[in-house]
Amino acid sequence: MEPFIPQLVYIEPKALEYPLGRELKEKFESMGIEIRETTSHNQIRNLPGENDFQKYRVAKSTLVVGIRKTLKFDTSKPSAEYAIPLATGCMGHCHYCYLQTTLGSKPYIRTYVNLEEIFEQAEKYMEERKPEPTRFEAACTSDIVGIDHLTHSLKKTIEFIGRTEYGRLRFVTKFHHVDHLLDAKHNGKTRFRFSVNSRYVIKNFEPGTSSFDERLEAARKVAKAGYPLGFIVAPIYLHDGWKDGYLELFERLSNALDGLELPALTFELIQHRFTAPAKKVIQKNYPKSKLELDESKRKYKWGRYGIGKYVYQPEEAKEMESVMREYIAQFFPEAEVQYFT
């Protein structure tokens, strides 16, 4: 899979007051990409396309260069204390993604150029919590690796956290374009995680992302570069033959990582869930999706902000967790399972 290149770029005028904003404008001009001006990264209108379906796909290939005005970081449990806001949106087309609803009518990709202000805020959070370490999640609202070959915002953040005493950085990706990150001075303070799944899930629900083999190759590179490595198995999805499908996943993962030193390898396990608003958006944007979204088969669980989600029935979730932990113990006995949710 080729690295992401936007078809269309919007730039906030104030973004050009920052070095990264000017650098990106020059880069996209030299690439011959159409650049438009926008008053706000939250107000992108008149995207090309004759209908909502076409406009959605154009949005997913549109990059907006802006300023992150709100510097209060969201919490990011259970993976970290805070989400560090480097970007919003993703070029992938994963049918199940929770960004389907959190981004709603704004599925375009946004990158924020006021990195020094973001880093200053991160330092304040670290100061408040020391001597406890403060973990920052960089992929809460985006797949940051997917655009970082263009912006290098993530690389700058890795090196910023690497210089701190109490900071820790985490992010997850479905993309393999990691070469520019391999020489970053991370000092062991960034955990590089890859999202993995069964063949069925990747084939049917993850278009527009790197293949499983590409992700495994990237994981080997990352491990060799000395990054702490982790994997997120998400969403764990009960398809026909799911036990065999996930067994094969861990077999392939084990074979790919054979011979590497993997101290402190971690796994995070997340069952498939969806909300009522998400179901509507998914069915609109991916009308032919095979994704099972039958509320009658699920358990309703209250969520943040009063928006509940549909998860698997307790007995199904219990079996799912048990099977995943059994496979991890079989193939990666030294690894830590950080949580199942």
C-alpha atoms as a PDB file:
ATOM      1  CA  MET A   1       0.000   0.000   0.000  1.00  0.00           C
ATOM      2  CA  GLU A   2       1.328   3.426  -0.982  1.00  0.00           C
ATOM      3  CA  PRO A   3       1.661   6.190   1.641  1.00  0.00           C
ATOM      4  CA  PHE A   4      -1.305   8.546   1.880  1.00  0.00           C
ATOM      5  CA  ILE A   5      -1.243  11.616  -0.370  1.00  0.00           C
ATOM      6  CA  PRO A   6      -4.211  14.010  -0.053  1.00  0.00           C
ATOM      7  CA  GLN A   7      -6.203  14.887  -3.136  1.00  0.00           C
ATOM      8  CA  LEU A   8      -7.188  18.236  -1.652  1.00  0.00           C
ATOM      9  CA  VAL A   9      -5.665  20.438   1.088  1.00  0.00           C
ATOM     10  CA  TYR A  10      -7.245  23.213   3.147  1.00  0.00           C
ATOM     11  CA  ILE A  11      -5.118  25.582   5.230  1.00  0.00           C
ATOM     12  CA  GLU A  12      -6.171  27.983   7.976  1.00  0.00           C
ATOM     13  CA  PRO A  13      -4.429  31.351   7.422  1.00  0.00           C
ATOM     14  CA  LYS A  14      -3.170  31.396  11.037  1.00  0.00           C
ATOM     15  CA  ALA A  15      -1.520  28.009  10.500  1.00  0.00           C
ATOM     16  CA  LEU A  16       0.995  29.821   8.314  1.00  0.00           C
ATOM     17  CA  GLU A  17       2.242  31.675  11.406  1.00  0.00           C
ATOM     18  CA  TYR A  18       3.847  28.386  12.489  1.00  0.00           C
ATOM     19  CA  PRO A  19       6.918  26.809  10.863  1.00  0.00           C
ATOM     20  CA  LEU A  20       5.148  23.491  10.236  1.00  0.00           C
ATOM     21  CA  GLY A  21       2.221  25.270   8.563  1.00  0.00           C
ATOM     22  CA  ARG A  22       4.520  27.054   6.134  1.00  0.00           C
ATOM     23  CA  GLU A  23       6.513  23.882   5.515  1.00  0.00           C
ATOM     24  CA  LEU A  24       3.379  21.900   4.648  1.00  0.00           C
ATOM     25  CA  LYS A  25       2.074  24.616   2.321  1.00  0.00           C
ATOM     26  CA  GLU A  26       5.362  24.611   0.392  1.00  0.00           C
ATOM     27  CA  LYS A  27       5.393  20.820   0.294  1.00  0.00           C
ATOM     28  CA  PHE A  28       1.885  20.502  -1.103  1.00  0.00           C
ATOM     29  CA  GLU A  29       2.459  23.313  -3.611  1.00  0.00           C
ATOM     30  CA  SER A  30       5.537  21.502  -4.917  1.00  0.00           C
ATOM     31  CA  MET A  31       3.461  18.305  -5.229  1.00  0.00           C
ATOM     32  CA  GLY A  32       0.864  20.111  -7.346  1.00  0.00           C
ATOM     33  CA  ILE A  33      -1.978  19.431  -4.904  1.00  0.00           C
ATOM     34  CA  GLU A  34      -4.904  21.859  -4.923  1.00  0.00           C
ATOM     35  CA  ILE A  35      -4.815  24.112  -1.854  1.00  0.00           C
ATOM     36  CA  ARG A  36      -7.797  26.050  -0.561  1.00  0.00           C
ATOM     37  CA  GLU A  37      -8.142  28.475   2.317  1.00  0.00           C
ATOM     38  CA  THR A  38     -10.514  27.876   5.227  1.00  0.00           C
ATOM     39  CA  THR A  39     -11.363  30.118   8.162  1.00  0.00           C
ATOM     40  CA  SER A  40     -11.512  27.097  10.509  1.00  0.00           C
ATOM     41  CA  HIS A  41     -10.578  23.428  10.389  1.00  0.00           C
ATOM     42  CA  ASN A  42     -14.052  22.769  11.815  1.00  0.00           C
ATOM     43  CA  GLN A  43     -15.835  24.508   8.932  1.00  0.00           C
ATOM     44  CA  ILE A  44     -14.930  22.653   5.733  1.00  0.00           C
ATOM     45  CA  ARG A  45     -17.831  23.002   3.312  1.00  0.00           C
ATOM     46  CA  ASN A  46     -18.476  22.580  -0.392  1.00  0.00           C
ATOM     47  CA  LEU A  47     -16.367  19.469  -0.796  1.00  0.00           C
ATOM     48  CA  PRO A  48     -16.515  18.116  -4.363  1.00  0.00           C
ATOM     49  CA  GLY A  49     -19.069  15.408  -5.063  1.00  0.00           C
ATOM     50  CA  GLU A  50     -22.590  15.078  -6.392  1.00  0.00           C
ATOM     51  CA  ASN A  51     -23.998  13.344  -3.303  1.00  0.00           C
ATOM     52  CA  ASP A  52     -23.160  12.534   0.319  1.00  0.00           C
ATOM     53  CA  PHE A  53     -21.598   9.192  -0.662  1.00  0.00           C
ATOM     54  CA  GLN A  54     -19.108  10.866  -3.029  1.00  0.00           C
ATOM     55  CA  LYS A  55     -18.430  13.744  -0.648  1.00  0.00           C
ATOM     56  CA  TYR A  56     -17.642  11.287   2.153  1.00  0.00           C
ATOM     57  CA  ARG A  57     -14.979   9.630   0.038  1.00  0.00           C
ATOM     58  CA  VAL A  58     -13.504  12.963  -1.000  1.00  0.00           C
ATOM     59  CA  ALA A  59     -13.426  14.004   2.662  1.00  0.00           C
ATOM     60  CA  LYS A  60     -11.430  10.897   3.558  1.00  0.00           C
ATOM     61  CA  SER A  61      -8.742  12.010   1.094  1.00  0.00           C
ATOM     62  CA  THR A  62      -8.766  15.668   2.217  1.00  0.00           C
ATOM     63  CA  LEU A  63      -6.184  17.073   4.628  1.00  0.00           C
ATOM     64  CA  VAL A  64      -6.810  20.231   6.649  1.00  0.00           C
ATOM     65  CA  VAL A  65      -3.846  22.093   8.123  1.00  0.00           C
ATOM     66  CA  GLY A  66      -4.961  24.002  11.202  1.00  0.00           C
ATOM     67  CA  ILE A  67      -4.360  25.089  14.772  1.00  0.00           C
ATOM     68  CA  ARG A  68      -5.522  23.176  17.813  1.00  0.00           C
ATOM     69  CA  LYS A  69      -7.237  25.914  19.808  1.00  0.00           C
ATOM     70  CA  THR A  70      -8.552  23.750  22.646  1.00  0.00           C
ATOM     71  CA  LEU A  71      -5.509  22.715  24.633  1.00  0.00           C
ATOM     72  CA  LYS A  72      -7.359  20.874  27.368  1.00  0.00           C
ATOM     73  CA  PHE A  73      -6.522  17.232  26.681  1.00  0.00           C
ATOM     74  CA  ASP A  74      -9.252  14.596  26.816  1.00  0.00           C
ATOM     75  CA  THR A  75      -8.785  11.595  29.069  1.00  0.00           C
ATOM     76  CA  SER A  76      -7.925   8.330  27.351  1.00  0.00           C
ATOM     77  CA  LYS A  77      -8.741   5.432  29.655  1.00  0.00           C
ATOM     78  CA  PRO A  78      -7.821   2.627  29.838  1.00  0.00           C
ATOM     79  CA  SER A  79      -4.801   3.081  27.574  1.00  0.00           C
ATOM     80  CA  ALA A  80      -3.426   6.375  28.944  1.00  0.00           C
ATOM     81  CA  GLU A  81      -4.086   9.348  31.218  1.00  0.00           C
ATOM     82  CA  TYR A  82      -4.497  11.841  28.357  1.00  0.00           C
ATOM     83  CA  ALA A  83      -4.974  12.023  24.602  1.00  0.00           C
ATOM     84  CA  ILE A  84      -2.353  14.298  23.022  1.00  0.00           C
ATOM     85  CA  PRO A  85      -4.082  16.091  20.121  1.00  0.00           C
ATOM     86  CA  LEU A  86      -1.825  15.895  17.071  1.00  0.00           C
ATOM     87  CA  ALA A  87      -4.432  15.064  14.429  1.00  0.00           C
ATOM     88  CA  THR A  88      -8.077  14.141  13.888  1.00  0.00           C
ATOM     89  CA  GLY A  89      -9.499  11.795  11.285  1.00  0.00           C
ATOM     90  CA  CYS A  90      -8.191   8.875   9.263  1.00  0.00           C
ATOM     91  CA  MET A  91      -7.813   7.940   5.620  1.00  0.00           C
ATOM     92  CA  GLY A  92      -8.732   4.310   6.341  1.00  0.00           C
ATOM     93  CA  HIS A  93     -12.216   2.954   5.677  1.00  0.00           C
ATOM     94  CA  CYS A  94     -12.701   0.580   8.620  1.00  0.00           C
ATOM     95  CA  HIS A  95     -16.426  -0.092   8.738  1.00  0.00           C
ATOM     96  CA  TYR A  96     -16.591  -0.531  12.512  1.00  0.00           C
ATOM     97  CA  CYS A  97     -14.514   2.511  13.539  1.00  0.00           C
ATOM     98  CA  TYR A  98     -15.886   4.662  16.372  1.00  0.00           C
ATOM     99  CA  LEU A  99     -14.697   7.744  14.474  1.00  0.00           C
ATOM    100  CA  GLN A 100     -17.710   7.148  12.224  1.00  0.00           C
ATOM    101  CA  THR A 101     -19.802   8.900  14.844  1.00  0.00           C
ATOM    102  CA  THR A 102     -17.317  11.025  16.796  1.00  0.00           C
ATOM    103  CA  LEU A 103     -16.357  12.804  13.580  1.00  0.00           C
ATOM    104  CA  GLY A 104     -19.890  12.701  12.215  1.00  0.00           C
ATOM    105  CA  SER A 105     -20.158  15.202   9.367  1.00  0.00           C
ATOM    106  CA  LYS A 106     -16.417  16.009   9.489  1.00  0.00           C
ATOM    107  CA  PRO A 107     -14.634  12.866   8.284  1.00  0.00           C
ATOM    108  CA  TYR A 108     -11.798  14.833   6.703  1.00  0.00           C
ATOM    109  CA  ILE A 109      -8.317  14.592   8.220  1.00  0.00           C
ATOM    110  CA  ARG A 110      -6.952  17.442  10.332  1.00  0.00           C
ATOM    111  CA  THR A 111      -3.353  17.985  11.383  1.00  0.00           C
ATOM    112  CA  TYR A 112      -2.399  20.620  13.952  1.00  0.00           C
ATOM    113  CA  VAL A 113       0.733  22.707  13.497  1.00  0.00           C
ATOM    114  CA  ASN A 114       1.008  24.481  16.892  1.00  0.00           C
ATOM    115  CA  LEU A 115       3.099  21.662  18.319  1.00  0.00           C
ATOM    116  CA  GLU A 116       5.049  23.788  20.798  1.00  0.00           C
ATOM    117  CA  GLU A 117       1.812  24.917  22.464  1.00  0.00           C
ATOM    118  CA  ILE A 118       0.612  21.312  22.605  1.00  0.00           C
ATOM    119  CA  PHE A 119       3.937  20.243  24.139  1.00  0.00           C
ATOM    120  CA  GLU A 120       3.752  23.040  26.730  1.00  0.00           C
ATOM    121  CA  GLN A 121       0.342  21.777  27.808  1.00  0.00           C
ATOM    122  CA  ALA A 122       1.667  18.218  28.020  1.00  0.00           C
ATOM    123  CA  GLU A 123       4.460  19.451  30.286  1.00  0.00           C
ATOM    124  CA  LYS A 124       1.878  20.986  32.622  1.00  0.00           C
ATOM    125  CA  TYR A 125       0.070  17.645  32.923  1.00  0.00           C
ATOM    126  CA  MET A 126       3.358  15.864  33.628  1.00  0.00           C
ATOM    127  CA  GLU A 127       4.234  18.445  36.283  1.00  0.00           C
ATOM    128  CA  GLU A 128       0.883  17.906  38.012  1.00  0.00           C
ATOM    129  CA  ARG A 129       1.316  14.138  38.211  1.00  0.00           C
ATOM    130  CA  LYS A 130       5.016  13.714  38.948  1.00  0.00           C
ATOM    131  CA  PRO A 131       6.639  11.607  40.276  1.00  0.00           C
ATOM    132  CA  GLU A 132       4.028   9.342  38.688  1.00  0.00           C
ATOM    133  CA  PRO A 133       4.572   8.902  34.931  1.00  0.00           C
ATOM    134  CA  THR A 134       1.986  10.434  32.607  1.00  0.00           C
ATOM    135  CA  ARG A 135       0.943   8.403  29.567  1.00  0.00           C
ATOM    136  CA  PHE A 136      -0.222  10.211  26.434  1.00  0.00           C
ATOM    137  CA  GLU A 137      -2.195   8.444  23.701  1.00  0.00           C
ATOM    138  CA  ALA A 138      -1.525   9.920  20.242  1.00  0.00           C
ATOM    139  CA  ALA A 139      -4.068   7.877  18.271  1.00  0.00           C
ATOM    140  CA  CYS A 140      -7.387   8.489  20.023  1.00  0.00           C
ATOM    141  CA  THR A 141      -8.973  10.411  17.155  1.00  0.00           C
ATOM    142  CA  SER A 142      -6.722   9.477  14.257  1.00  0.00           C
ATOM    143  CA  ASP A 143      -4.254   6.990  12.857  1.00  0.00           C
ATOM    144  CA  ILE A 144      -1.367   9.388  13.275  1.00  0.00           C
ATOM    145  CA  VAL A 145       1.172   7.121  11.546  1.00  0.00           C
ATOM    146  CA  GLY A 146      -0.913   7.318   8.368  1.00  0.00           C
ATOM    147  CA  ILE A 147      -0.056  10.992   7.826  1.00  0.00           C
ATOM    148  CA  ASP A 148       3.243  11.348   9.662  1.00  0.00           C
ATOM    149  CA  HIS A 149       5.397  10.765   6.584  1.00  0.00           C
ATOM    150  CA  LEU A 150       4.016  14.158   5.507  1.00  0.00           C
ATOM    151  CA  THR A 151       4.017  16.090   8.794  1.00  0.00           C
ATOM    152  CA  HIS A 152       6.595  14.416  11.082  1.00  0.00           C
ATOM    153  CA  SER A 153       4.467  15.671  13.997  1.00  0.00           C
ATOM    154  CA  LEU A 154       4.548  12.242  15.587  1.00  0.00           C
ATOM    155  CA  LYS A 155       8.311  11.991  15.213  1.00  0.00           C
ATOM    156  CA  LYS A 156       8.721  15.382  16.917  1.00  0.00           C
ATOM    157  CA  THR A 157       6.404  14.201  19.706  1.00  0.00           C
ATOM    158  CA  ILE A 158       8.330  10.952  20.181  1.00  0.00           C
ATOM    159  CA  GLU A 159      11.551  12.931  20.611  1.00  0.00           C
ATOM    160  CA  PHE A 160       9.863  15.489  22.891  1.00  0.00           C
ATOM    161  CA  ILE A 161       8.591  12.720  25.184  1.00  0.00           C
ATOM    162  CA  GLY A 162      11.975  11.016  24.963  1.00  0.00           C
ATOM    163  CA  ARG A 163      13.563  14.101  26.548  1.00  0.00           C
ATOM    164  CA  THR A 164      11.148  14.187  29.479  1.00  0.00           C
ATOM    165  CA  GLU A 165      11.557  12.400  32.777  1.00  0.00           C
ATOM    166  CA  TYR A 166       7.943  11.499  33.457  1.00  0.00           C
ATOM    167  CA  GLY A 167       6.321  11.399  30.018  1.00  0.00           C
ATOM    168  CA  ARG A 168       5.309   8.253  28.146  1.00  0.00           C
ATOM    169  CA  LEU A 169       3.811   8.095  24.650  1.00  0.00           C
ATOM    170  CA  ARG A 170       1.571   5.467  23.080  1.00  0.00           C
ATOM    171  CA  PHE A 171      -0.147   5.147  19.733  1.00  0.00           C
ATOM    172  CA  VAL A 172      -1.605   2.436  17.536  1.00  0.00           C
ATOM    173  CA  THR A 173      -1.683   2.108  13.770  1.00  0.00           C
ATOM    174  CA  LYS A 174      -2.908  -0.010  10.873  1.00  0.00           C
ATOM    175  CA  PHE A 175      -0.273   1.455   8.546  1.00  0.00           C
ATOM    176  CA  HIS A 176       3.258   0.278   7.830  1.00  0.00           C
ATOM    177  CA  HIS A 177       4.874   3.566   6.779  1.00  0.00           C
ATOM    178  CA  VAL A 178       7.262   3.715   9.744  1.00  0.00           C
ATOM    179  CA  ASP A 179      10.719   4.078   8.195  1.00  0.00           C
ATOM    180  CA  HIS A 180      11.106   7.767   9.083  1.00  0.00           C
ATOM    181  CA  LEU A 181      10.360   6.948  12.744  1.00  0.00           C
ATOM    182  CA  LEU A 182      13.034   4.292  13.175  1.00  0.00           C
ATOM    183  CA  ASP A 183      15.854   6.722  13.983  1.00  0.00           C
ATOM    184  CA  ALA A 184      13.793   8.883  16.363  1.00  0.00           C
ATOM    185  CA  LYS A 185      15.401   9.373  19.784  1.00  0.00           C
ATOM    186  CA  HIS A 186      12.606   7.698  21.734  1.00  0.00           C
ATOM    187  CA  ASN A 187      14.725   6.626  24.736  1.00  0.00           C
ATOM    188  CA  GLY A 188      12.355   3.731  25.337  1.00  0.00           C
ATOM    189  CA  LYS A 189       9.496   6.044  26.367  1.00  0.00           C
ATOM    190  CA  THR A 190       7.211   5.442  23.378  1.00  0.00           C
ATOM    191  CA  ARG A 191       5.201   2.242  22.985  1.00  0.00           C
ATOM    192  CA  PHE A 192       4.544   1.514  19.325  1.00  0.00           C
ATOM    193  CA  ARG A 193       1.400  -0.618  18.891  1.00  0.00           C
ATOM    194  CA  PHE A 194      -0.127  -2.231  15.835  1.00  0.00           C
ATOM    195  CA  SER A 195      -3.772  -3.093  15.366  1.00  0.00           C
ATOM    196  CA  VAL A 196      -4.160  -6.734  14.301  1.00  0.00           C
ATOM    197  CA  ASN A 197      -7.092  -8.997  13.581  1.00  0.00           C
ATOM    198  CA  SER A 198      -8.259 -12.187  11.916  1.00  0.00           C
ATOM    199  CA  ARG A 199      -8.146 -12.546   8.142  1.00  0.00           C
ATOM    200  CA  TYR A 200     -11.949 -12.283   8.019  1.00  0.00           C
ATOM    201  CA  VAL A 201     -12.065  -8.932   9.815  1.00  0.00           C
ATOM    202  CA  ILE A 202      -9.177  -7.364   7.870  1.00  0.00           C
ATOM    203  CA  LYS A 203     -10.543  -8.565   4.521  1.00  0.00           C
ATOM    204  CA  ASN A 204     -14.144  -7.506   5.077  1.00  0.00           C
ATOM    205  CA  PHE A 205     -13.958  -4.463   7.336  1.00  0.00           C
ATOM    206  CA  GLU A 206     -10.566  -2.726   6.960  1.00  0.00           C
ATOM    207  CA  PRO A 207     -10.262  -1.357   3.402  1.00  0.00           C
ATOM    208  CA  GLY A 208      -7.781   1.440   2.859  1.00  0.00           C
ATOM    209  CA  THR A 209      -5.289   0.121   5.433  1.00  0.00           C
ATOM    210  CA  SER A 210      -1.990  -1.758   5.196  1.00  0.00           C
ATOM    211  CA  SER A 211      -2.176  -5.526   4.872  1.00  0.00           C
ATOM    212  CA  PHE A 212      -1.523  -7.773   7.848  1.00  0.00           C
ATOM    213  CA  ASP A 213       1.837  -8.827   6.390  1.00  0.00           C
ATOM    214  CA  GLU A 214       2.842  -5.187   5.901  1.00  0.00           C
ATOM    215  CA  ARG A 215       1.968  -4.448   9.529  1.00  0.00           C
ATOM    216  CA  LEU A 216       4.032  -7.436  10.683  1.00  0.00           C
ATOM    217  CA  GLU A 217       7.023  -6.287   8.642  1.00  0.00           C
ATOM    218  CA  ALA A 218       6.708  -2.826  10.189  1.00  0.00           C
ATOM    219  CA  ALA A 219       6.449  -4.343  13.676  1.00  0.00           C
ATOM    220  CA  ARG A 220       9.744  -6.154  13.130  1.00  0.00           C
ATOM    221  CA  LYS A 221      11.400  -2.888  12.086  1.00  0.00           C
ATOM    222  CA  VAL A 222      10.013  -1.092  15.131  1.00  0.00           C
ATOM    223  CA  ALA A 223      11.188  -3.818  17.514  1.00  0.00           C
ATOM    224  CA  LYS A 224      14.666  -3.740  15.976  1.00  0.00           C
ATOM    225  CA  ALA A 225      14.706   0.043  16.504  1.00  0.00           C
ATOM    226  CA  GLY A 226      14.314  -0.552  20.233  1.00  0.00           C
ATOM    227  CA  TYR A 227      10.742   0.668  20.691  1.00  0.00           C
ATOM    228  CA  PRO A 228       8.634  -1.104  23.314  1.00  0.00           C
ATOM    229  CA  LEU A 229       6.122  -3.018  21.179  1.00  0.00           C
ATOM    230  CA  GLY A 230       2.461  -3.806  21.647  1.00  0.00           C
ATOM    231  CA  PHE A 231      -0.545  -5.122  19.759  1.00  0.00           C
ATOM    232  CA  ILE A 232      -4.199  -4.211  19.997  1.00  0.00           C
ATOM    233  CA  VAL A 233      -6.556  -6.986  18.938  1.00  0.00           C
ATOM    234  CA  ALA A 234      -9.584  -4.929  18.030  1.00  0.00           C
ATOM    235  CA  PRO A 235     -12.345  -5.261  17.424  1.00  0.00           C
ATOM    236  CA  ILE A 236     -12.589  -8.903  18.445  1.00  0.00           C
ATOM    237  CA  TYR A 237     -15.495 -10.027  16.289  1.00  0.00           C
ATOM    238  CA  LEU A 238     -17.506 -13.252  16.489  1.00  0.00           C
ATOM    239  CA  HIS A 239     -17.577 -14.396  12.863  1.00  0.00           C
ATOM    240  CA  ASP A 240     -18.003 -17.985  11.649  1.00  0.00           C
ATOM    241  CA  GLY A 241     -14.888 -19.912  12.627  1.00  0.00           C
ATOM    242  CA  TRP A 242     -13.640 -17.066  14.816  1.00  0.00           C
ATOM    243  CA  LYS A 243     -11.631 -19.311  17.132  1.00  0.00           C
ATOM    244  CA  ASP A 244      -9.648 -20.760  14.236  1.00  0.00           C
ATOM    245  CA  GLY A 245      -9.318 -17.304  12.691  1.00  0.00           C
ATOM    246  CA  TYR A 246      -7.809 -15.786  15.824  1.00  0.00           C
ATOM    247  CA  LEU A 247      -5.613 -18.850  16.424  1.00  0.00           C
ATOM    248  CA  GLU A 248      -4.136 -18.292  12.957  1.00  0.00           C
ATOM    249  CA  LEU A 249      -3.621 -14.613  13.812  1.00  0.00           C
ATOM    250  CA  PHE A 250      -1.448 -15.452  16.812  1.00  0.00           C
ATOM    251  CA  GLU A 251       0.418 -18.172  14.900  1.00  0.00           C
ATOM    252  CA  ARG A 252       1.319 -15.715  12.130  1.00  0.00           C
ATOM    253  CA  LEU A 253       2.233 -13.064  14.692  1.00  0.00           C
ATOM    254  CA  SER A 254       4.496 -15.484  16.541  1.00  0.00           C
ATOM    255  CA  ASN A 255       6.229 -16.596  13.339  1.00  0.00           C
ATOM    256  CA  ALA A 256       6.791 -13.002  12.225  1.00  0.00           C
ATOM    257  CA  LEU A 257       8.368 -11.986  15.538  1.00  0.00           C
ATOM    258  CA  ASP A 258      10.438 -15.122  16.010  1.00  0.00           C
ATOM    259  CA  GLY A 259      14.025 -14.372  16.969  1.00  0.00           C
ATOM    260  CA  LEU A 260      13.400 -10.819  18.145  1.00  0.00           C
ATOM    261  CA  GLU A 261      13.982  -9.590  21.667  1.00  0.00           C
ATOM    262  CA  LEU A 262      10.615  -8.330  22.898  1.00  0.00           C
ATOM    263  CA  PRO A 263      10.882  -7.182  26.493  1.00  0.00           C
ATOM    264  CA  ALA A 264       7.629  -5.879  27.947  1.00  0.00           C
ATOM    265  CA  LEU A 265       5.476  -6.959  24.972  1.00  0.00           C
ATOM    266  CA  THR A 266       1.844  -5.957  25.578  1.00  0.00           C
ATOM    267  CA  PHE A 267      -1.593  -6.886  24.264  1.00  0.00           C
ATOM    268  CA  GLU A 268      -4.842  -4.940  24.556  1.00  0.00           C
ATOM    269  CA  LEU A 269      -8.113  -6.723  23.812  1.00  0.00           C
ATOM    270  CA  ILE A 270     -11.251  -4.876  22.724  1.00  0.00           C
ATOM    271  CA  GLN A 271     -14.505  -6.572  21.769  1.00  0.00           C
ATOM    272  CA  HIS A 272     -16.626  -5.184  18.942  1.00  0.00           C
ATOM    273  CA  ARG A 273     -19.188  -2.637  20.014  1.00  0.00           C
ATOM    274  CA  PHE A 274     -21.364  -0.050  18.312  1.00  0.00           C
ATOM    275  CA  THR A 275     -23.764   2.747  19.163  1.00  0.00           C
ATOM    276  CA  ALA A 276     -27.134   3.487  17.592  1.00  0.00           C
ATOM    277  CA  PRO A 277     -25.792   6.663  15.892  1.00  0.00           C
ATOM    278  CA  ALA A 278     -22.776   4.698  14.617  1.00  0.00           C
ATOM    279  CA  LYS A 279     -25.027   2.062  13.060  1.00  0.00           C
ATOM    280  CA  LYS A 280     -26.824   4.704  11.011  1.00  0.00           C
ATOM    281  CA  VAL A 281     -23.590   6.260   9.785  1.00  0.00           C
ATOM    282  CA  ILE A 282     -21.988   2.900   8.972  1.00  0.00           C
ATOM    283  CA  GLN A 283     -25.001   1.725   6.994  1.00  0.00           C
ATOM    284  CA  LYS A 284     -25.046   5.026   5.109  1.00  0.00           C
ATOM    285  CA  ASN A 285     -21.336   5.108   4.271  1.00  0.00           C
ATOM    286  CA  TYR A 286     -20.846   1.352   3.738  1.00  0.00           C
ATOM    287  CA  PRO A 287     -24.256   0.062   2.613  1.00  0.00           C
ATOM    288  CA  LYS A 288     -22.884  -3.322   1.482  1.00  0.00           C
ATOM    289  CA  SER A 289     -20.949  -4.017   4.682  1.00  0.00           C
ATOM    290  CA  LYS A 290     -21.223  -7.488   6.214  1.00  0.00           C
ATOM    291  CA  LEU A 291     -20.780  -6.014   9.694  1.00  0.00           C
ATOM    292  CA  GLU A 292     -23.309  -7.492  12.129  1.00  0.00           C
ATOM    293  CA  LEU A 293     -25.184  -4.656  13.857  1.00  0.00           C
ATOM    294  CA  ASP A 294     -28.212  -6.426  15.339  1.00  0.00           C
ATOM    295  CA  GLU A 295     -29.083  -4.831  18.686  1.00  0.00           C
ATOM    296  CA  SER A 296     -31.214  -7.821  19.696  1.00  0.00           C
ATOM    297  CA  LYS A 297     -28.090 -10.008  19.825  1.00  0.00           C
ATOM    298  CA  ARG A 298     -26.162  -7.630  22.057  1.00  0.00           C
ATOM    299  CA  LYS A 299     -26.107  -6.256  25.578  1.00  0.00           C
ATOM    300  CA  TYR A 300     -26.689  -2.551  26.089  1.00  0.00           C
ATOM    301  CA  LYS A 301     -23.981  -0.874  28.130  1.00  0.00           C
ATOM    302  CA  TRP A 302     -24.083   2.727  29.310  1.00  0.00           C
ATOM    303  CA  GLY A 303     -21.264   4.857  27.979  1.00  0.00           C
ATOM    304  CA  ARG A 304     -19.762   8.307  28.376  1.00  0.00           C
ATOM    305  CA  TYR A 305     -21.901  11.371  27.706  1.00  0.00           C
ATOM    306  CA  GLY A 306     -25.070   9.290  27.971  1.00  0.00           C
ATOM    307  CA  ILE A 307     -24.486   7.445  24.687  1.00  0.00           C
ATOM    308  CA  GLY A 308     -24.782   3.730  25.335  1.00  0.00           C
ATOM    309  CA  LYS A 309     -23.116   1.025  23.289  1.00  0.00           C
ATOM    310  CA  TYR A 310     -24.039  -2.480  22.229  1.00  0.00           C
ATOM    311  CA  VAL A 311     -21.465  -5.090  23.280  1.00  0.00           C
ATOM    312  CA  TYR A 312     -21.532  -8.884  23.178  1.00  0.00           C
ATOM    313  CA  GLN A 313     -23.597 -10.822  25.687  1.00  0.00           C
ATOM    314  CA  PRO A 314     -21.699 -11.511  28.965  1.00  0.00           C
ATOM    315  CA  GLU A 315     -21.207 -15.226  28.255  1.00  0.00           C
ATOM    316  CA  GLU A 316     -19.906 -14.455  24.758  1.00  0.00           C
ATOM    317  CA  ALA A 317     -17.528 -11.778  26.043  1.00  0.00           C
ATOM    318  CA  LYS A 318     -16.283 -14.117  28.785  1.00  0.00           C
ATOM    319  CA  GLU A 319     -15.512 -16.865  26.263  1.00  0.00           C
ATOM    320  CA  MET A 320     -13.898 -14.364  23.917  1.00  0.00           C
ATOM    321  CA  GLU A 321     -11.582 -13.069  26.630  1.00  0.00           C
ATOM    322  CA  SER A 322     -10.706 -16.578  27.790  1.00  0.00           C
ATOM    323  CA  VAL A 323      -9.804 -17.731  24.266  1.00  0.00           C
ATOM    324  CA  MET A 324      -7.670 -14.663  23.566  1.00  0.00           C
ATOM    325  CA  ARG A 325      -5.781 -14.976  26.855  1.00  0.00           C
ATOM    326  CA  GLU A 326      -5.212 -18.678  26.171  1.00  0.00           C
ATOM    327  CA  TYR A 327      -3.730 -17.963  22.734  1.00  0.00           C
ATOM    328  CA  ILE A 328      -1.482 -15.194  24.084  1.00  0.00           C
ATOM    329  CA  ALA A 329      -0.251 -17.449  26.885  1.00  0.00           C
ATOM    330  CA  GLN A 330       0.484 -20.151  24.320  1.00  0.00           C
ATOM    331  CA  PHE A 331       2.443 -18.032  21.854  1.00  0.00           C
ATOM    332  CA  PHE A 332       3.687 -15.127  23.997  1.00  0.00           C
ATOM    333  CA  PRO A 333       3.947 -16.414  27.578  1.00  0.00           C
ATOM    334  CA  GLU A 334       6.047 -13.431  28.708  1.00  0.00           C
ATOM    335  CA  ALA A 335       3.626 -10.812  27.345  1.00  0.00           C
ATOM    336  CA  GLU A 336       1.296  -8.695  29.462  1.00  0.00           C
ATOM    337  CA  VAL A 337      -2.412  -8.518  28.672  1.00  0.00           C
ATOM    338  CA  GLN A 338      -3.158  -4.973  29.794  1.00  0.00           C
ATOM    339  CA  TYR A 339      -6.933  -5.167  29.653  1.00  0.00           C
ATOM    340  CA  PHE A 340      -9.994  -6.667  27.990  1.00  0.00           C
ATOM    341  CA  THR A 341     -12.958  -4.417  27.397  1.00  0.00           C
END
